Structure formats: C-alpha cells, structure tokens
All heavy atoms as atom14 arrays in JSON, in Angstrom:
{
  "sequence": "MALRRNSWQKVRDGVCTDKNVHEDIDLAIHLLRADLPVA",
  "atom14_mask": [
    [1, 1, 1, 1, 1, 1, 1, 1, 0, 0, 0, 0, 0, 0],
    [1, 1, 1, 1, 1, 0, 0, 0, 0, 0, 0, 0, 0, 0],
    [1, 1, 1, 1, 1, 1, 1, 1, 0, 0, 0, 0, 0, 0],
    [1, 1, 1, 1, 1, 1, 1, 1, 1, 1, 1, 0, 0, 0],
    [1, 1, 1, 1, 1, 1, 1, 1, 1, 1, 1, 0, 0, 0],
    [1, 1, 1, 1, 1, 1, 1, 1, 0, 0, 0, 0, 0, 0],
    [1, 1, 1, 1, 1, 1, 0, 0, 0, 0, 0, 0, 0, 0],
    [1, 1, 1, 1, 1, 1, 1, 1, 1, 1, 1, 1, 1, 1],
    [1, 1, 1, 1, 1, 1, 1, 1, 1, 0, 0, 0, 0, 0],
    [1, 1, 1, 1, 1, 1, 1, 1, 1, 0, 0, 0, 0, 0],
    [1, 1, 1, 1, 1, 1, 1, 0, 0, 0, 0, 0, 0, 0],
    [1, 1, 1, 1, 1, 1, 1, 1, 1, 1, 1, 0, 0, 0],
    [1, 1, 1, 1, 1, 1, 1, 1, 0, 0, 0, 0, 0, 0],
    [1, 1, 1, 1, 0, 0, 0, 0, 0, 0, 0, 0, 0, 0],
    [1, 1, 1, 1, 1, 1, 1, 0, 0, 0, 0, 0, 0, 0],
    [1, 1, 1, 1, 1, 1, 0, 0, 0, 0, 0, 0, 0, 0],
    [1, 1, 1, 1, 1, 1, 1, 0, 0, 0, 0, 0, 0, 0],
    [1, 1, 1, 1, 1, 1, 1, 1, 0, 0, 0, 0, 0, 0],
    [1, 1, 1, 1, 1, 1, 1, 1, 1, 0, 0, 0, 0, 0],
    [1, 1, 1, 1, 1, 1, 1, 1, 0, 0, 0, 0, 0, 0],
    [1, 1, 1, 1, 1, 1, 1, 0, 0, 0, 0, 0, 0, 0],
    [1, 1, 1, 1, 1, 1, 1, 1, 1, 1, 0, 0, 0, 0],
    [1, 1, 1, 1, 1, 1, 1, 1, 1, 0, 0, 0, 0, 0],
    [1, 1, 1, 1, 1, 1, 1, 1, 0, 0, 0, 0, 0, 0],
    [1, 1, 1, 1, 1, 1, 1, 1, 0, 0, 0, 0, 0, 0],
    [1, 1, 1, 1, 1, 1, 1, 1, 0, 0, 0, 0, 0, 0],
    [1, 1, 1, 1, 1, 1, 1, 1, 0, 0, 0, 0, 0, 0],
    [1, 1, 1, 1, 1, 0, 0, 0, 0, 0, 0, 0, 0, 0],
    [1, 1, 1, 1, 1, 1, 1, 1, 0, 0, 0, 0, 0, 0],
    [1, 1, 1, 1, 1, 1, 1, 1, 1, 1, 0, 0, 0, 0],
    [1, 1, 1, 1, 1, 1, 1, 1, 0, 0, 0, 0, 0, 0],
    [1, 1, 1, 1, 1, 1, 1, 1, 0, 0, 0, 0, 0, 0],
    [1, 1, 1, 1, 1, 1, 1, 1, 1, 1, 1, 0, 0, 0],
    [1, 1, 1, 1, 1, 0, 0, 0, 0, 0, 0, 0, 0, 0],
    [1, 1, 1, 1, 1, 1, 1, 1, 0, 0, 0, 0, 0, 0],
    [1, 1, 1, 1, 1, 1, 1, 1, 0, 0, 0, 0, 0, 0],
    [1, 1, 1, 1, 1, 1, 1, 0, 0, 0, 0, 0, 0, 0],
    [1, 1, 1, 1, 1, 1, 1, 0, 0, 0, 0, 0, 0, 0],
    [1, 1, 1, 1, 1, 0, 0, 0, 0, 0, 0, 0, 0, 0]
  ],
  "atom14_positions": [
    [[104.57, 99.8, 95.08], [104.13, 99.54, 93.71], [103.54, 100.82, 93.09], [103.26, 101.76, 93.82], [103.06, 98.42, 93.63], [101.81, 98.73, 94.46], [100.39, 97.65, 94.09], [99.8, 98.45, 92.57], [0.0, 0.0, 0.0], [0.0, 0.0, 0.0], [0.0, 0.0, 0.0], [0.0, 0.0, 0.0], [0.0, 0.0, 0.0], [0.0, 0.0, 0.0]],
    [[103.33, 100.82, 91.79], [102.71, 101.93, 91.12], [102.04, 101.39, 89.83], [102.46, 100.42, 89.25], [103.68, 103.04, 90.77], [0.0, 0.0, 0.0], [0.0, 0.0, 0.0], [0.0, 0.0, 0.0], [0.0, 0.0, 0.0], [0.0, 0.0, 0.0], [0.0, 0.0, 0.0], [0.0, 0.0, 0.0], [0.0, 0.0, 0.0], [0.0, 0.0, 0.0]],
    [[100.99, 102.08, 89.38], [100.31, 101.68, 88.12], [99.78, 102.93, 87.44], [99.61, 103.97, 88.07], [99.26, 100.67, 88.43], [97.87, 101.11, 89.06], [96.86, 100.11, 88.82], [98.07, 101.46, 90.54], [0.0, 0.0, 0.0], [0.0, 0.0, 0.0], [0.0, 0.0, 0.0], [0.0, 0.0, 0.0], [0.0, 0.0, 0.0], [0.0, 0.0, 0.0]],
    [[99.42, 102.75, 86.2], [98.78, 103.81, 85.45], [97.33, 103.89, 85.81], [96.65, 102.88, 85.93], [98.95, 103.53, 83.92], [100.33, 103.51, 83.41], [100.42, 103.37, 81.92], [101.81, 103.1, 81.51], [102.74, 103.98, 81.25], [102.46, 105.25, 81.35], [103.95, 103.63, 80.85], [0.0, 0.0, 0.0], [0.0, 0.0, 0.0], [0.0, 0.0, 0.0]],
    [[96.83, 105.1, 85.95], [95.43, 105.28, 86.31], [94.51, 104.72, 85.26], [93.45, 104.08, 85.62], [95.13, 106.78, 86.5], [93.67, 107.08, 86.86], [93.53, 108.51, 87.28], [92.14, 108.95, 87.41], [91.45, 109.59, 86.47], [92.07, 109.99, 85.38], [90.16, 109.92, 86.72], [0.0, 0.0, 0.0], [0.0, 0.0, 0.0], [0.0, 0.0, 0.0]],
    [[94.81, 104.88, 84.0], [93.93, 104.34, 82.95], [93.9, 102.77, 82.95], [92.92, 102.13, 82.61], [94.24, 104.83, 81.57], [95.68, 104.59, 81.15], [96.42, 103.85, 81.77], [96.08, 105.16, 80.01], [0.0, 0.0, 0.0], [0.0, 0.0, 0.0], [0.0, 0.0, 0.0], [0.0, 0.0, 0.0], [0.0, 0.0, 0.0], [0.0, 0.0, 0.0]],
    [[95.03, 102.17, 83.49], [95.02, 100.73, 83.56], [94.14, 100.3, 84.74], [93.38, 99.28, 84.6], [96.49, 100.2, 83.85], [97.29, 100.47, 82.74], [0.0, 0.0, 0.0], [0.0, 0.0, 0.0], [0.0, 0.0, 0.0], [0.0, 0.0, 0.0], [0.0, 0.0, 0.0], [0.0, 0.0, 0.0], [0.0, 0.0, 0.0], [0.0, 0.0, 0.0]],
    [[94.18, 101.06, 85.86], [93.26, 100.76, 86.98], [91.8, 100.86, 86.48], [91.0, 99.98, 86.82], [93.55, 101.75, 88.09], [92.42, 101.76, 89.13], [91.61, 102.86, 89.44], [92.03, 100.75, 90.03], [90.72, 102.54, 90.42], [90.96, 101.22, 90.86], [92.43, 99.4, 90.24], [90.31, 100.46, 91.77], [91.83, 98.65, 91.17], [90.76, 99.2, 91.97]],
    [[91.48, 101.85, 85.73], [90.08, 102.05, 85.28], [89.64, 100.89, 84.4], [88.44, 100.55, 84.4], [89.99, 103.37, 84.57], [90.14, 104.61, 85.49], [90.22, 105.9, 84.74], [90.68, 105.98, 83.59], [89.73, 107.0, 85.36], [0.0, 0.0, 0.0], [0.0, 0.0, 0.0], [0.0, 0.0, 0.0], [0.0, 0.0, 0.0], [0.0, 0.0, 0.0]],
    [[90.54, 100.27, 83.69], [90.16, 99.19, 82.82], [89.8, 97.91, 83.58], [89.04, 97.08, 83.09], [91.28, 98.9, 81.8], [91.43, 99.98, 80.77], [92.62, 99.71, 79.86], [92.8, 100.81, 78.85], [94.0, 100.64, 77.98], [0.0, 0.0, 0.0], [0.0, 0.0, 0.0], [0.0, 0.0, 0.0], [0.0, 0.0, 0.0], [0.0, 0.0, 0.0]],
    [[90.38, 97.72, 84.78], [90.16, 96.46, 85.51], [89.37, 96.72, 86.8], [88.97, 95.75, 87.47], [91.49, 95.8, 85.86], [92.28, 95.47, 84.64], [92.35, 96.66, 86.81], [0.0, 0.0, 0.0], [0.0, 0.0, 0.0], [0.0, 0.0, 0.0], [0.0, 0.0, 0.0], [0.0, 0.0, 0.0], [0.0, 0.0, 0.0], [0.0, 0.0, 0.0]],
    [[89.09, 97.96, 87.1], [88.42, 98.33, 88.34], [87.2, 97.5, 88.71], [87.07, 97.01, 89.86], [88.01, 99.84, 88.28], [87.09, 100.29, 89.38], [87.74, 100.26, 90.74], [86.95, 100.79, 91.82], [86.06, 100.11, 92.49], [85.8, 98.81, 92.21], [85.4, 100.65, 93.5], [0.0, 0.0, 0.0], [0.0, 0.0, 0.0], [0.0, 0.0, 0.0]],
    [[86.31, 97.27, 87.76], [85.08, 96.58, 88.08], [85.23, 95.09, 88.22], [84.28, 94.39, 88.62], [84.03, 96.95, 87.03], [83.62, 98.39, 87.04], [83.73, 99.04, 88.12], [83.2, 98.92, 86.0], [0.0, 0.0, 0.0], [0.0, 0.0, 0.0], [0.0, 0.0, 0.0], [0.0, 0.0, 0.0], [0.0, 0.0, 0.0], [0.0, 0.0, 0.0]],
    [[86.43, 94.56, 87.89], [86.6, 93.09, 87.95], [87.42, 92.58, 89.09], [87.43, 91.39, 89.31], [0.0, 0.0, 0.0], [0.0, 0.0, 0.0], [0.0, 0.0, 0.0], [0.0, 0.0, 0.0], [0.0, 0.0, 0.0], [0.0, 0.0, 0.0], [0.0, 0.0, 0.0], [0.0, 0.0, 0.0], [0.0, 0.0, 0.0], [0.0, 0.0, 0.0]],
    [[88.12, 93.46, 89.8], [88.97, 92.99, 90.86], [88.19, 92.38, 91.97], [87.03, 92.7, 92.28], [89.85, 94.12, 91.43], [90.79, 94.69, 90.38], [89.02, 95.31, 91.95], [0.0, 0.0, 0.0], [0.0, 0.0, 0.0], [0.0, 0.0, 0.0], [0.0, 0.0, 0.0], [0.0, 0.0, 0.0], [0.0, 0.0, 0.0], [0.0, 0.0, 0.0]],
    [[88.82, 91.42, 92.7], [88.17, 90.68, 93.74], [88.23, 91.44, 95.05], [89.16, 92.16, 95.36], [88.82, 89.36, 93.91], [88.85, 88.3, 92.44], [0.0, 0.0, 0.0], [0.0, 0.0, 0.0], [0.0, 0.0, 0.0], [0.0, 0.0, 0.0], [0.0, 0.0, 0.0], [0.0, 0.0, 0.0], [0.0, 0.0, 0.0], [0.0, 0.0, 0.0]],
    [[87.22, 91.22, 95.88], [87.14, 91.83, 97.24], [87.04, 90.79, 98.33], [86.76, 91.08, 99.47], [85.93, 92.77, 97.33], [84.72, 92.08, 97.07], [86.06, 93.95, 96.39], [0.0, 0.0, 0.0], [0.0, 0.0, 0.0], [0.0, 0.0, 0.0], [0.0, 0.0, 0.0], [0.0, 0.0, 0.0], [0.0, 0.0, 0.0], [0.0, 0.0, 0.0]],
    [[87.3, 89.53, 98.0], [87.32, 88.45, 98.91], [88.48, 88.59, 99.91], [89.6, 88.82, 99.44], [87.44, 87.12, 98.15], [87.34, 85.88, 99.02], [87.42, 86.02, 100.28], [87.17, 84.79, 98.48], [0.0, 0.0, 0.0], [0.0, 0.0, 0.0], [0.0, 0.0, 0.0], [0.0, 0.0, 0.0], [0.0, 0.0, 0.0], [0.0, 0.0, 0.0]],
    [[88.24, 88.48, 101.22], [89.32, 88.66, 102.2], [90.32, 87.5, 102.18], [91.4, 87.6, 102.74], [88.74, 88.83, 103.61], [88.09, 87.57, 104.17], [87.61, 87.8, 105.62], [87.04, 86.55, 106.24], [86.63, 86.78, 107.66], [0.0, 0.0, 0.0], [0.0, 0.0, 0.0], [0.0, 0.0, 0.0], [0.0, 0.0, 0.0], [0.0, 0.0, 0.0]],
    [[89.99, 86.44, 101.45], [90.88, 85.26, 101.32], [91.69, 85.33, 100.03], [92.21, 84.32, 99.54], [90.11, 83.96, 101.38], [89.53, 83.71, 102.75], [90.23, 83.86, 103.72], [88.26, 83.35, 102.82], [0.0, 0.0, 0.0], [0.0, 0.0, 0.0], [0.0, 0.0, 0.0], [0.0, 0.0, 0.0], [0.0, 0.0, 0.0], [0.0, 0.0, 0.0]],
    [[91.79, 86.56, 99.49], [92.58, 86.84, 98.32], [93.44, 88.07, 98.59], [92.95, 89.04, 99.1], [91.66, 87.11, 97.07], [92.49, 87.7, 95.95], [90.94, 85.83, 96.63], [0.0, 0.0, 0.0], [0.0, 0.0, 0.0], [0.0, 0.0, 0.0], [0.0, 0.0, 0.0], [0.0, 0.0, 0.0], [0.0, 0.0, 0.0], [0.0, 0.0, 0.0]],
    [[94.74, 87.99, 98.27], [95.62, 89.15, 98.43], [95.32, 90.16, 97.33], [95.49, 89.85, 96.17], [97.07, 88.75, 98.4], [97.57, 88.11, 99.66], [97.23, 88.56, 100.89], [98.35, 87.02, 99.9], [97.79, 87.85, 101.83], [98.45, 86.88, 101.26], [0.0, 0.0, 0.0], [0.0, 0.0, 0.0], [0.0, 0.0, 0.0], [0.0, 0.0, 0.0]],
    [[94.91, 91.35, 97.73], [94.4, 92.35, 96.76], [95.49, 92.8, 95.79], [95.16, 93.14, 94.65], [93.83, 93.56, 97.55], [94.7, 94.11, 98.64], [95.73, 95.08, 98.2], [95.59, 95.63, 97.09], [96.69, 95.28, 98.96], [0.0, 0.0, 0.0], [0.0, 0.0, 0.0], [0.0, 0.0, 0.0], [0.0, 0.0, 0.0], [0.0, 0.0, 0.0]],
    [[96.75, 92.82, 96.2], [97.79, 93.27, 95.3], [98.1, 92.24, 94.22], [98.22, 92.6, 93.0], [99.06, 93.67, 96.04], [99.47, 92.66, 97.09], [98.84, 91.57, 97.23], [100.43, 92.93, 97.89], [0.0, 0.0, 0.0], [0.0, 0.0, 0.0], [0.0, 0.0, 0.0], [0.0, 0.0, 0.0], [0.0, 0.0, 0.0], [0.0, 0.0, 0.0]],
    [[98.18, 90.95, 94.57], [98.39, 89.94, 93.56], [97.16, 89.79, 92.64], [97.27, 89.64, 91.44], [98.7, 88.57, 94.25], [99.96, 88.65, 95.05], [98.84, 87.45, 93.17], [100.33, 87.45, 95.86], [0.0, 0.0, 0.0], [0.0, 0.0, 0.0], [0.0, 0.0, 0.0], [0.0, 0.0, 0.0], [0.0, 0.0, 0.0], [0.0, 0.0, 0.0]],
    [[95.97, 89.87, 93.21], [94.74, 89.85, 92.46], [94.75, 90.95, 91.42], [94.33, 90.69, 90.25], [93.57, 90.02, 93.39], [92.23, 90.18, 92.64], [91.7, 89.19, 92.08], [91.74, 91.34, 92.58], [0.0, 0.0, 0.0], [0.0, 0.0, 0.0], [0.0, 0.0, 0.0], [0.0, 0.0, 0.0], [0.0, 0.0, 0.0], [0.0, 0.0, 0.0]],
    [[95.15, 92.15, 91.79], [95.2, 93.25, 90.81], [96.16, 92.91, 89.68], [95.85, 93.16, 88.54], [95.67, 94.57, 91.52], [95.89, 95.75, 90.66], [94.68, 96.16, 89.88], [96.38, 96.95, 91.54], [0.0, 0.0, 0.0], [0.0, 0.0, 0.0], [0.0, 0.0, 0.0], [0.0, 0.0, 0.0], [0.0, 0.0, 0.0], [0.0, 0.0, 0.0]],
    [[97.31, 92.35, 89.99], [98.3, 91.98, 89.01], [97.74, 90.96, 88.0], [97.94, 91.1, 86.77], [99.54, 91.42, 89.67], [0.0, 0.0, 0.0], [0.0, 0.0, 0.0], [0.0, 0.0, 0.0], [0.0, 0.0, 0.0], [0.0, 0.0, 0.0], [0.0, 0.0, 0.0], [0.0, 0.0, 0.0], [0.0, 0.0, 0.0], [0.0, 0.0, 0.0]],
    [[97.0, 90.01, 88.52], [96.43, 88.99, 87.65], [95.39, 89.62, 86.72], [95.3, 89.27, 85.55], [95.78, 87.85, 88.51], [96.87, 87.07, 89.29], [94.95, 86.9, 87.66], [96.35, 86.15, 90.32], [0.0, 0.0, 0.0], [0.0, 0.0, 0.0], [0.0, 0.0, 0.0], [0.0, 0.0, 0.0], [0.0, 0.0, 0.0], [0.0, 0.0, 0.0]],
    [[94.54, 90.5, 87.26], [93.54, 91.15, 86.42], [94.15, 92.0, 85.34], [93.67, 92.1, 84.23], [92.55, 91.93, 87.31], [91.54, 91.06, 88.0], [90.4, 90.63, 87.4], [91.54, 90.52, 89.22], [89.69, 89.87, 88.19], [90.4, 89.79, 89.35], [0.0, 0.0, 0.0], [0.0, 0.0, 0.0], [0.0, 0.0, 0.0], [0.0, 0.0, 0.0]],
    [[95.21, 92.73, 85.71], [95.97, 93.51, 84.71], [96.5, 92.66, 83.61], [96.41, 92.91, 82.39], [97.1, 94.3, 85.37], [96.63, 95.48, 86.24], [97.83, 95.97, 87.09], [96.03, 96.62, 85.45], [0.0, 0.0, 0.0], [0.0, 0.0, 0.0], [0.0, 0.0, 0.0], [0.0, 0.0, 0.0], [0.0, 0.0, 0.0], [0.0, 0.0, 0.0]],
    [[97.16, 91.54, 83.97], [97.73, 90.62, 83.04], [96.67, 90.09, 82.1], [96.9, 90.03, 80.88], [98.38, 89.43, 83.79], [98.97, 88.35, 82.87], [100.25, 88.87, 82.16], [99.32, 87.07, 83.67], [0.0, 0.0, 0.0], [0.0, 0.0, 0.0], [0.0, 0.0, 0.0], [0.0, 0.0, 0.0], [0.0, 0.0, 0.0], [0.0, 0.0, 0.0]],
    [[95.52, 89.72, 82.57], [94.44, 89.15, 81.72], [93.8, 90.17, 80.88], [93.02, 89.82, 80.0], [93.47, 88.44, 82.63], [94.04, 87.14, 83.23], [93.14, 86.33, 84.07], [93.78, 85.04, 84.39], [93.25, 84.12, 85.13], [92.01, 84.26, 85.66], [93.88, 82.99, 85.36], [0.0, 0.0, 0.0], [0.0, 0.0, 0.0], [0.0, 0.0, 0.0]],
    [[94.04, 91.45, 81.17], [93.58, 92.55, 80.27], [94.66, 92.95, 79.32], [94.57, 93.97, 78.67], [93.1, 93.68, 81.11], [0.0, 0.0, 0.0], [0.0, 0.0, 0.0], [0.0, 0.0, 0.0], [0.0, 0.0, 0.0], [0.0, 0.0, 0.0], [0.0, 0.0, 0.0], [0.0, 0.0, 0.0], [0.0, 0.0, 0.0], [0.0, 0.0, 0.0]],
    [[95.73, 92.13, 79.22], [96.87, 92.39, 78.38], [97.55, 93.65, 78.73], [98.05, 94.45, 77.87], [96.43, 92.44, 76.87], [96.03, 91.08, 76.4], [96.63, 90.06, 76.76], [95.06, 91.02, 75.58], [0.0, 0.0, 0.0], [0.0, 0.0, 0.0], [0.0, 0.0, 0.0], [0.0, 0.0, 0.0], [0.0, 0.0, 0.0], [0.0, 0.0, 0.0]],
    [[97.63, 93.94, 80.04], [98.33, 95.15, 80.54], [99.55, 94.68, 81.3], [99.44, 94.0, 82.35], [97.39, 95.96, 81.46], [96.12, 96.5, 80.76], [95.12, 96.99, 81.81], [96.46, 97.59, 79.8], [0.0, 0.0, 0.0], [0.0, 0.0, 0.0], [0.0, 0.0, 0.0], [0.0, 0.0, 0.0], [0.0, 0.0, 0.0], [0.0, 0.0, 0.0]],
    [[100.76, 94.92, 80.76], [102.0, 94.32, 81.32], [102.35, 94.82, 82.67], [102.26, 96.0, 83.05], [103.09, 94.71, 80.3], [102.52, 95.94, 79.63], [101.03, 95.76, 79.59], [0.0, 0.0, 0.0], [0.0, 0.0, 0.0], [0.0, 0.0, 0.0], [0.0, 0.0, 0.0], [0.0, 0.0, 0.0], [0.0, 0.0, 0.0], [0.0, 0.0, 0.0]],
    [[102.7, 93.86, 83.53], [103.18, 94.11, 84.92], [104.67, 93.79, 85.02], [105.09, 92.77, 84.5], [102.39, 93.23, 85.93], [102.88, 93.45, 87.36], [100.89, 93.58, 85.84], [0.0, 0.0, 0.0], [0.0, 0.0, 0.0], [0.0, 0.0, 0.0], [0.0, 0.0, 0.0], [0.0, 0.0, 0.0], [0.0, 0.0, 0.0], [0.0, 0.0, 0.0]],
    [[105.43, 94.63, 85.72], [106.9, 94.41, 85.77], [107.37, 94.38, 87.17], [106.81, 94.93, 88.11], [107.62, 95.53, 84.99], [0.0, 0.0, 0.0], [0.0, 0.0, 0.0], [0.0, 0.0, 0.0], [0.0, 0.0, 0.0], [0.0, 0.0, 0.0], [0.0, 0.0, 0.0], [0.0, 0.0, 0.0], [0.0, 0.0, 0.0], [0.0, 0.0, 0.0]]
  ]
}
C-alpha cells in the first residue's frame, strides 16, 4: 500500500492502537471518515 504523507498527518492522532484491530483496515476507515479517498 501507499498513501500521501499529508493524509497520514490528518488522521494520525485518531488511528487505533488496539491489538484486536487490524491497523491497515483501521487506517483506511479513518481516511474515509476524513473524506480522504482510498482506492
């Protein structure tokens, strides 16, 4: 996968760190909810 650095900075403080959550899917969900398109 790859993403824009400025997109990461917009969601950085909200991503989950729970070990019972897949970090890559979690990141995609947070990007989507910030109106940042994932393809």
